[in-house]
PDB file of N, CA and C in Angstrom:
ATOM      1  N   MET A   1      55.376 -49.320  41.731  1.00  0.00           N
ATOM      2  CA  MET A   1      54.247 -48.464  41.382  1.00  0.00           C
ATOM      3  C   MET A   1      54.641 -46.994  41.598  1.00  0.00           C
ATOM      4  N   LYS A   2      54.351 -46.182  40.605  1.00  0.00           N
ATOM      5  CA  LYS A   2      54.632 -44.750  40.717  1.00  0.00           C
ATOM      6  C   LYS A   2      53.414 -44.059  41.327  1.00  0.00           C
ATOM      7  N   THR A   3      53.654 -43.194  42.300  1.00  0.00           N
ATOM      8  CA  THR A   3      52.552 -42.502  42.969  1.00  0.00           C
ATOM      9  C   THR A   3      52.208 -41.208  42.243  1.00  0.00           C
ATOM     10  N   GLN A   4      51.034 -40.665  42.549  1.00  0.00           N
ATOM     11  CA  GLN A   4      50.601 -39.394  41.980  1.00  0.00           C
ATOM     12  C   GLN A   4      51.422 -38.237  42.530  1.00  0.00           C
ATOM     13  N   SER A   5      51.880 -38.373  43.755  1.00  0.00           N
ATOM     14  CA  SER A   5      52.655 -37.331  44.407  1.00  0.00           C
ATOM     15  C   SER A   5      54.041 -37.881  44.734  1.00  0.00           C
ATOM     16  N   PRO A   6      55.104 -37.181  44.342  1.00  0.00           N
ATOM     17  CA  PRO A   6      56.449 -37.718  44.562  1.00  0.00           C
ATOM     18  C   PRO A   6      56.851 -37.844  46.031  1.00  0.00           C
ATOM     19  N   ASP A   7      56.142 -37.160  46.928  1.00  0.00           N
ATOM     20  CA  ASP A   7      56.516 -37.242  48.342  1.00  0.00           C
ATOM     21  C   ASP A   7      55.594 -38.162  49.145  1.00  0.00           C
ATOM     22  N   THR A   8      54.838 -39.008  48.449  1.00  0.00           N
ATOM     23  CA  THR A   8      53.928 -39.939  49.120  1.00  0.00           C
ATOM     24  C   THR A   8      54.320 -41.366  48.759  1.00  0.00           C
ATOM     25  N   SER A   9      54.417 -42.206  49.776  1.00  0.00           N
ATOM     26  CA  SER A   9      54.780 -43.599  49.506  1.00  0.00           C
ATOM     27  C   SER A   9      53.609 -44.311  48.830  1.00  0.00           C
ATOM     28  N   PRO A  10      53.899 -45.347  48.049  1.00  0.00           N
ATOM     29  CA  PRO A  10      52.820 -46.086  47.385  1.00  0.00           C
ATOM     30  C   PRO A  10      51.788 -46.654  48.364  1.00  0.00           C
ATOM     31  N   GLU A  11      52.244 -47.123  49.515  1.00  0.00           N
ATOM     32  CA  GLU A  11      51.309 -47.698  50.490  1.00  0.00           C
ATOM     33  C   GLU A  11      50.371 -46.638  51.058  1.00  0.00           C
ATOM     34  N   VAL A  12      50.923 -45.473  51.382  1.00  0.00           N
ATOM     35  CA  VAL A  12      50.095 -44.394  51.916  1.00  0.00           C
ATOM     36  C   VAL A  12      49.096 -43.934  50.855  1.00  0.00           C
ATOM     37  N   GLU A  13      49.551 -43.812  49.616  1.00  0.00           N
ATOM     38  CA  GLU A  13      48.632 -43.400  48.548  1.00  0.00           C
ATOM     39  C   GLU A  13      47.523 -44.436  48.360  1.00  0.00           C
ATOM     40  N   ARG A  14      47.867 -45.708  48.433  1.00  0.00           N
ATOM     41  CA  ARG A  14      46.866 -46.766  48.299  1.00  0.00           C
ATOM     42  C   ARG A  14      45.800 -46.638  49.391  1.00  0.00           C
ATOM     43  N   VAL A  15      46.227 -46.371  50.617  1.00  0.00           N
ATOM     44  CA  VAL A  15      45.297 -46.196  51.735  1.00  0.00           C
ATOM     45  C   VAL A  15      44.424 -44.960  51.510  1.00  0.00           C
ATOM     46  N   GLN A  16      45.039 -43.862  51.069  1.00  0.00           N
ATOM     47  CA  GLN A  16      44.265 -42.636  50.809  1.00  0.00           C
ATOM     48  C   GLN A  16      43.183 -42.880  49.758  1.00  0.00           C
ATOM     49  N   ILE A  17      43.561 -43.535  48.674  1.00  0.00           N
ATOM     50  CA  ILE A  17      42.596 -43.805  47.606  1.00  0.00           C
ATOM     51  C   ILE A  17      41.481 -44.711  48.111  1.00  0.00           C
ATOM     52  N   GLU A  18      41.838 -45.705  48.883  1.00  0.00           N
ATOM     53  CA  GLU A  18      40.820 -46.614  49.429  1.00  0.00           C
ATOM     54  C   GLU A  18      39.857 -45.867  50.358  1.00  0.00           C
ATOM     55  N   LEU A  19      40.390 -44.993  51.192  1.00  0.00           N
ATOM     56  CA  LEU A  19      39.524 -44.202  52.073  1.00  0.00           C
ATOM     57  C   LEU A  19      38.590 -43.291  51.277  1.00  0.00           C
ATOM     58  N   LEU A  20      39.103 -42.695  50.212  1.00  0.00           N
ATOM     59  CA  LEU A  20      38.245 -41.847  49.368  1.00  0.00           C
ATOM     60  C   LEU A  20      37.161 -42.669  48.683  1.00  0.00           C
ATOM     61  N   ARG A  21      37.508 -43.843  48.231  1.00  0.00           N
ATOM     62  CA  ARG A  21      36.508 -44.700  47.579  1.00  0.00           C
ATOM     63  C   ARG A  21      35.404 -45.119  48.553  1.00  0.00           C
ATOM     64  N   LYS A  22      35.775 -45.333  49.800  1.00  0.00           N
ATOM     65  CA  LYS A  22      34.797 -45.764  50.806  1.00  0.00           C
ATOM     66  C   LYS A  22      33.973 -44.597  51.364  1.00  0.00           C
ATOM     67  N   ALA A  23      34.449 -43.388  51.177  1.00  0.00           N
ATOM     68  CA  ALA A  23      33.766 -42.219  51.738  1.00  0.00           C
ATOM     69  C   ALA A  23      32.424 -41.992  51.042  1.00  0.00           C
ATOM     70  N   THR A  24      31.502 -41.463  51.796  1.00  0.00           N
ATOM     71  CA  THR A  24      30.197 -41.130  51.218  1.00  0.00           C
ATOM     72  C   THR A  24      30.355 -39.921  50.288  1.00  0.00           C
ATOM     73  N   PRO A  25      29.404 -39.728  49.386  1.00  0.00           N
ATOM     74  CA  PRO A  25      29.466 -38.531  48.546  1.00  0.00           C
ATOM     75  C   PRO A  25      29.510 -37.244  49.381  1.00  0.00           C
ATOM     76  N   ALA A  26      28.778 -37.221  50.480  1.00  0.00           N
ATOM     77  CA  ALA A  26      28.783 -36.031  51.343  1.00  0.00           C
ATOM     78  C   ALA A  26      30.170 -35.787  51.917  1.00  0.00           C
ATOM     79  N   ARG A  27      30.839 -36.855  52.334  1.00  0.00           N
ATOM     80  CA  ARG A  27      32.193 -36.717  52.887  1.00  0.00           C
ATOM     81  C   ARG A  27      33.167 -36.244  51.812  1.00  0.00           C
ATOM     82  N   ARG A  28      33.071 -36.807  50.615  1.00  0.00           N
ATOM     83  CA  ARG A  28      33.962 -36.381  49.522  1.00  0.00           C
ATOM     84  C   ARG A  28      33.711 -34.924  49.170  1.00  0.00           C
ATOM     85  N   PHE A  29      32.435 -34.519  49.156  1.00  0.00           N
ATOM     86  CA  PHE A  29      32.118 -33.123  48.885  1.00  0.00           C
ATOM     87  C   PHE A  29      32.714 -32.221  49.960  1.00  0.00           C
ATOM     88  N   HIS A  30      32.574 -32.620  51.223  1.00  0.00           N
ATOM     89  CA  HIS A  30      33.134 -31.851  52.334  1.00  0.00           C
ATOM     90  C   HIS A  30      34.646 -31.697  52.179  1.00  0.00           C
ATOM     91  N   LEU A  31      35.341 -32.774  51.826  1.00  0.00           N
ATOM     92  CA  LEU A  31      36.788 -32.712  51.657  1.00  0.00           C
ATOM     93  C   LEU A  31      37.177 -31.770  50.512  1.00  0.00           C
ATOM     94  N   ALA A  32      36.460 -31.861  49.399  1.00  0.00           N
ATOM     95  CA  ALA A  32      36.760 -30.997  48.255  1.00  0.00           C
ATOM     96  C   ALA A  32      36.497 -29.535  48.608  1.00  0.00           C
ATOM     97  N   ARG A  33      35.389 -29.282  49.279  1.00  0.00           N
ATOM     98  CA  ARG A  33      35.056 -27.906  49.676  1.00  0.00           C
ATOM     99  C   ARG A  33      36.082 -27.352  50.656  1.00  0.00           C
ATOM    100  N   SER A  34      36.496 -28.169  51.592  1.00  0.00           N
ATOM    101  CA  SER A  34      37.491 -27.749  52.572  1.00  0.00           C
ATOM    102  C   SER A  34      38.820 -27.421  51.893  1.00  0.00           C
ATOM    103  N   LEU A  35      39.241 -28.260  50.954  1.00  0.00           N
ATOM    104  CA  LEU A  35      40.478 -28.003  50.231  1.00  0.00           C
ATOM    105  C   LEU A  35      40.374 -26.706  49.431  1.00  0.00           C
ATOM    106  N   SER A  36      39.235 -26.487  48.788  1.00  0.00           N
ATOM    107  CA  SER A  36      39.031 -25.251  48.019  1.00  0.00           C
ATOM    108  C   SER A  36      39.101 -24.026  48.928  1.00  0.00           C
ATOM    109  N   GLN A  37      38.441 -24.083  50.065  1.00  0.00           N
ATOM    110  CA  GLN A  37      38.462 -22.955  51.001  1.00  0.00           C
ATOM    111  C   GLN A  37      39.881 -22.682  51.493  1.00  0.00           C
ATOM    112  N   THR A  38      40.620 -23.731  51.784  1.00  0.00           N
ATOM    113  CA  THR A  38      41.992 -23.566  52.249  1.00  0.00           C
ATOM    114  C   THR A  38      42.852 -22.909  51.171  1.00  0.00           C
ATOM    115  N   MET A  39      42.711 -23.346  49.937  1.00  0.00           N
ATOM    116  CA  MET A  39      43.512 -22.775  48.855  1.00  0.00           C
ATOM    117  C   MET A  39      43.142 -21.306  48.603  1.00  0.00           C
ATOM    118  N   ILE A  40      41.880 -20.966  48.721  1.00  0.00           N
ATOM    119  CA  ILE A  40      41.461 -19.566  48.569  1.00  0.00           C
ATOM    120  C   ILE A  40      42.083 -18.725  49.682  1.00  0.00           C
ATOM    121  N   GLN A  41      42.048 -19.220  50.911  1.00  0.00           N
ATOM    122  CA  GLN A  41      42.634 -18.488  52.033  1.00  0.00           C
ATOM    123  C   GLN A  41      44.138 -18.305  51.858  1.00  0.00           C
ATOM    124  N   VAL A  42      44.829 -19.343  51.419  1.00  0.00           N
ATOM    125  CA  VAL A  42      46.274 -19.269  51.207  1.00  0.00           C
ATOM    126  C   VAL A  42      46.579 -18.276  50.090  1.00  0.00           C
ATOM    127  N   SER A  43      45.804 -18.337  49.030  1.00  0.00           N
ATOM    128  CA  SER A  43      46.020 -17.416  47.911  1.00  0.00           C
ATOM    129  C   SER A  43      45.792 -15.968  48.330  1.00  0.00           C
ATOM    130  N   ARG A  44      44.712 -15.706  49.064  1.00  0.00           N
ATOM    131  CA  ARG A  44      44.451 -14.336  49.527  1.00  0.00           C
ATOM    132  C   ARG A  44      45.527 -13.858  50.490  1.00  0.00           C
ATOM    133  N   ALA A  45      46.033 -14.745  51.323  1.00  0.00           N
ATOM    134  CA  ALA A  45      47.114 -14.365  52.238  1.00  0.00           C
ATOM    135  C   ALA A  45      48.362 -13.978  51.447  1.00  0.00           C
ATOM    136  N   ASN A  46      48.642 -14.697  50.380  1.00  0.00           N
ATOM    137  CA  ASN A  46      49.794 -14.362  49.549  1.00  0.00           C
ATOM    138  C   ASN A  46      49.579 -13.030  48.831  1.00  0.00           C
ATOM    139  N   ILE A  47      48.373 -12.801  48.340  1.00  0.00           N
ATOM    140  CA  ILE A  47      48.065 -11.513  47.706  1.00  0.00           C
ATOM    141  C   ILE A  47      48.233 -10.384  48.719  1.00  0.00           C
ATOM    142  N   ARG A  48      47.764 -10.607  49.949  1.00  0.00           N
ATOM    143  CA  ARG A  48      47.897  -9.611  51.019  1.00  0.00           C
ATOM    144  C   ARG A  48      49.373  -9.328  51.309  1.00  0.00           C
ATOM    145  N   ARG A  49      50.187 -10.373  51.278  1.00  0.00           N
ATOM    146  CA  ARG A  49      51.629 -10.210  51.515  1.00  0.00           C
ATOM    147  C   ARG A  49      52.282  -9.411  50.384  1.00  0.00           C
ATOM    148  N   LEU A  50      51.848  -9.667  49.156  1.00  0.00           N
ATOM    149  CA  LEU A  50      52.420  -8.967  48.004  1.00  0.00           C
ATOM    150  C   LEU A  50      51.892  -7.543  47.849  1.00  0.00           C
ATOM    151  N   HIS A  51      50.717  -7.286  48.414  1.00  0.00           N
ATOM    152  CA  HIS A  51      50.074  -5.963  48.308  1.00  0.00           C
ATOM    153  C   HIS A  51      49.637  -5.496  49.695  1.00  0.00           C
ATOM    154  N   PRO A  52      50.585  -5.176  50.579  1.00  0.00           N
ATOM    155  CA  PRO A  52      50.228  -4.817  51.956  1.00  0.00           C
ATOM    156  C   PRO A  52      49.372  -3.556  52.050  1.00  0.00           C
ATOM    157  N   GLU A  53      49.397  -2.727  51.011  1.00  0.00           N
ATOM    158  CA  GLU A  53      48.609  -1.495  51.015  1.00  0.00           C
ATOM    159  C   GLU A  53      47.137  -1.734  50.660  1.00  0.00           C
ATOM    160  N   ALA A  54      46.822  -2.900  50.127  1.00  0.00           N
ATOM    161  CA  ALA A  54      45.467  -3.183  49.648  1.00  0.00           C
ATOM    162  C   ALA A  54      44.511  -3.471  50.806  1.00  0.00           C
ATOM    163  N   ASP A  55      43.286  -2.956  50.687  1.00  0.00           N
ATOM    164  CA  ASP A  55      42.269  -3.287  51.673  1.00  0.00           C
ATOM    165  C   ASP A  55      41.618  -4.623  51.287  1.00  0.00           C
ATOM    166  N   GLN A  56      40.716  -5.099  52.135  1.00  0.00           N
ATOM    167  CA  GLN A  56      40.092  -6.411  51.922  1.00  0.00           C
ATOM    168  C   GLN A  56      39.374  -6.498  50.579  1.00  0.00           C
ATOM    169  N   GLU A  57      38.680  -5.439  50.198  1.00  0.00           N
ATOM    170  CA  GLU A  57      37.946  -5.452  48.927  1.00  0.00           C
ATOM    171  C   GLU A  57      38.908  -5.570  47.760  1.00  0.00           C
ATOM    172  N   GLU A  58      39.995  -4.814  47.805  1.00  0.00           N
ATOM    173  CA  GLU A  58      40.976  -4.873  46.708  1.00  0.00           C
ATOM    174  C   GLU A  58      41.650  -6.233  46.652  1.00  0.00           C
ATOM    175  N   ILE A  59      41.899  -6.856  47.791  1.00  0.00           N
ATOM    176  CA  ILE A  59      42.483  -8.193  47.809  1.00  0.00           C
ATOM    177  C   ILE A  59      41.544  -9.174  47.109  1.00  0.00           C
ATOM    178  N   LYS A  60      40.252  -9.054  47.371  1.00  0.00           N
ATOM    179  CA  LYS A  60      39.287  -9.936  46.709  1.00  0.00           C
ATOM    180  C   LYS A  60      39.263  -9.701  45.206  1.00  0.00           C
ATOM    181  N   ILE A  61      39.370  -8.445  44.786  1.00  0.00           N
ATOM    182  CA  ILE A  61      39.383  -8.136  43.355  1.00  0.00           C
ATOM    183  C   ILE A  61      40.670  -8.651  42.713  1.00  0.00           C
ATOM    184  N   LEU A  62      41.795  -8.510  43.404  1.00  0.00           N
ATOM    185  CA  LEU A  62      43.055  -9.041  42.884  1.00  0.00           C
ATOM    186  C   LEU A  62      42.991 -10.568  42.754  1.00  0.00           C
ATOM    187  N   PHE A  63      42.295 -11.205  43.678  1.00  0.00           N
ATOM    188  CA  PHE A  63      42.091 -12.655  43.597  1.00  0.00           C
ATOM    189  C   PHE A  63      41.297 -12.998  42.335  1.00  0.00           C
ATOM    190  N   VAL A  64      40.226 -12.258  42.089  1.00  0.00           N
ATOM    191  CA  VAL A  64      39.416 -12.489  40.889  1.00  0.00           C
ATOM    192  C   VAL A  64      40.283 -12.303  39.648  1.00  0.00           C
ATOM    193  N   GLU A  65      41.087 -11.251  39.636  1.00  0.00           N
ATOM    194  CA  GLU A  65      41.948 -10.992  38.480  1.00  0.00           C
ATOM    195  C   GLU A  65      42.933 -12.126  38.254  1.00  0.00           C
ATOM    196  N   LEU A  66      43.529 -12.614  39.322  1.00  0.00           N
ATOM    197  CA  LEU A  66      44.518 -13.678  39.214  1.00  0.00           C
ATOM    198  C   LEU A  66      43.913 -14.972  38.679  1.00  0.00           C
ATOM    199  N   TYR A  67      42.744 -15.344  39.180  1.00  0.00           N
ATOM    200  CA  TYR A  67      42.174 -16.642  38.835  1.00  0.00           C
ATOM    201  C   TYR A  67      41.136 -16.608  37.718  1.00  0.00           C
ATOM    202  N   TYR A  68      40.515 -15.457  37.487  1.00  0.00           N
ATOM    203  CA  TYR A  68      39.437 -15.398  36.489  1.00  0.00           C
ATOM    204  C   TYR A  68      39.699 -14.383  35.388  1.00  0.00           C
ATOM    205  N   GLY A  69      40.766 -13.596  35.508  1.00  0.00           N
ATOM    206  CA  GLY A  69      41.156 -12.681  34.449  1.00  0.00           C
ATOM    207  C   GLY A  69      40.849 -11.223  34.743  1.00  0.00           C
ATOM    208  N   LYS A  70      41.589 -10.370  34.033  1.00  0.00           N
ATOM    209  CA  LYS A  70      41.474  -8.927  34.226  1.00  0.00           C
ATOM    210  C   LYS A  70      40.111  -8.395  33.805  1.00  0.00           C
ATOM    211  N   GLU A  71      39.560  -8.934  32.738  1.00  0.00           N
ATOM    212  CA  GLU A  71      38.262  -8.446  32.260  1.00  0.00           C
ATOM    213  C   GLU A  71      37.184  -8.594  33.339  1.00  0.00           C
ATOM    214  N   LEU A  72      37.104  -9.750  33.949  1.00  0.00           N
ATOM    215  CA  LEU A  72      36.099  -9.947  35.002  1.00  0.00           C
ATOM    216  C   LEU A  72      36.409  -9.074  36.216  1.00  0.00           C
ATOM    217  N   ALA A  73      37.681  -8.961  36.584  1.00  0.00           N
ATOM    218  CA  ALA A  73      38.050  -8.115  37.725  1.00  0.00           C
ATOM    219  C   ALA A  73      37.647  -6.669  37.472  1.00  0.00           C
ATOM    220  N   ASP A  74      37.857  -6.185  36.251  1.00  0.00           N
ATOM    221  CA  ASP A  74      37.454  -4.816  35.912  1.00  0.00           C
ATOM    222  C   ASP A  74      35.945  -4.655  35.996  1.00  0.00           C
ATOM    223  N   ARG A  75      35.215  -5.670  35.578  1.00  0.00           N
ATOM    224  CA  ARG A  75      33.753  -5.608  35.668  1.00  0.00           C
ATOM    225  C   ARG A  75      33.286  -5.596  37.124  1.00  0.00           C
ATOM    226  N   VAL A  76      33.951  -6.368  37.963  1.00  0.00           N
ATOM    227  CA  VAL A  76      33.618  -6.375  39.395  1.00  0.00           C
ATOM    228  C   VAL A  76      33.904  -5.011  40.003  1.00  0.00           C
ATOM    229  N   ARG A  77      35.066  -4.433  39.678  1.00  0.00           N
ATOM    230  CA  ARG A  77      35.404  -3.086  40.174  1.00  0.00           C
ATOM    231  C   ARG A  77      34.330  -2.073  39.773  1.00  0.00           C
ATOM    232  N   ALA A  78      33.939  -2.105  38.487  1.00  0.00           N
ATOM    233  CA  ALA A  78      32.933  -1.158  37.990  1.00  0.00           C
ATOM    234  C   ALA A  78      31.600  -1.363  38.699  1.00  0.00           C
ATOM    235  N   TYR A  79      31.231  -2.610  38.913  1.00  0.00           N
ATOM    236  CA  TYR A  79      29.982  -2.912  39.625  1.00  0.00           C
ATOM    237  C   TYR A  79      30.026  -2.357  41.055  1.00  0.00           C
ATOM    238  N   LEU A  80      31.128  -2.596  41.737  1.00  0.00           N
ATOM    239  CA  LEU A  80      31.242  -2.113  43.117  1.00  0.00           C
ATOM    240  C   LEU A  80      31.239  -0.592  43.182  1.00  0.00           C
ATOM    241  N   GLU A  81      31.860   0.056  42.217  1.00  0.00           N
ATOM    242  CA  GLU A  81      31.833   1.525  42.186  1.00  0.00           C
ATOM    243  C   GLU A  81      30.423   2.041  41.958  1.00  0.00           C
ATOM    244  N   ARG A  82      29.693   1.417  41.043  1.00  0.00           N
ATOM    245  CA  ARG A  82      28.299   1.829  40.799  1.00  0.00           C
ATOM    246  C   ARG A  82      27.443   1.617  42.042  1.00  0.00           C
ATOM    247  N   ARG A  83      27.662   0.518  42.714  1.00  0.00           N
ATOM    248  CA  ARG A  83      26.897   0.183  43.910  1.00  0.00           C
ATOM    249  C   ARG A  83      27.172   1.179  45.034  1.00  0.00           C
ATOM    250  N   GLN A  84      28.399   1.678  45.152  1.00  0.00           N
ATOM    251  CA  GLN A  84      28.749   2.640  46.196  1.00  0.00           C
ATOM    252  C   GLN A  84      28.121   4.010  45.933  1.00  0.00           C
ATOM    253  N   CYS A  85      27.890   4.303  44.675  1.00  0.00           N
ATOM    254  CA  CYS A  85      27.323   5.611  44.311  1.00  0.00           C
ATOM    255  C   CYS A  85      25.838   5.710  44.644  1.00  0.00           C
ATOM    256  N   ARG A  86      25.207   4.632  44.895  1.00  0.00           N
ATOM    257  CA  ARG A  86      23.753   4.637  45.176  1.00  0.00           C
ATOM    258  C   ARG A  86      23.443   5.089  46.554  1.00  0.00           C
TER     259      ARG A  86
END
């Protein structure tokens, strides 16, 4: 049997899948949310490493640009600038 991940044995993958199937919807949601939060944190840390001069706000905007595109990032920048002027 070929596994979904090349570094996971078939037996371990079988156990993982069985545990996910037995998990409640709330538990599965928690796991998915936790994985998403971890990936966002890792991505922002990498952006911070690549742009050490950037402040927290700029790191968040660079994250938006990377994952959602330049157009949305530019709109977020413009919104934040308008909000600061008030």
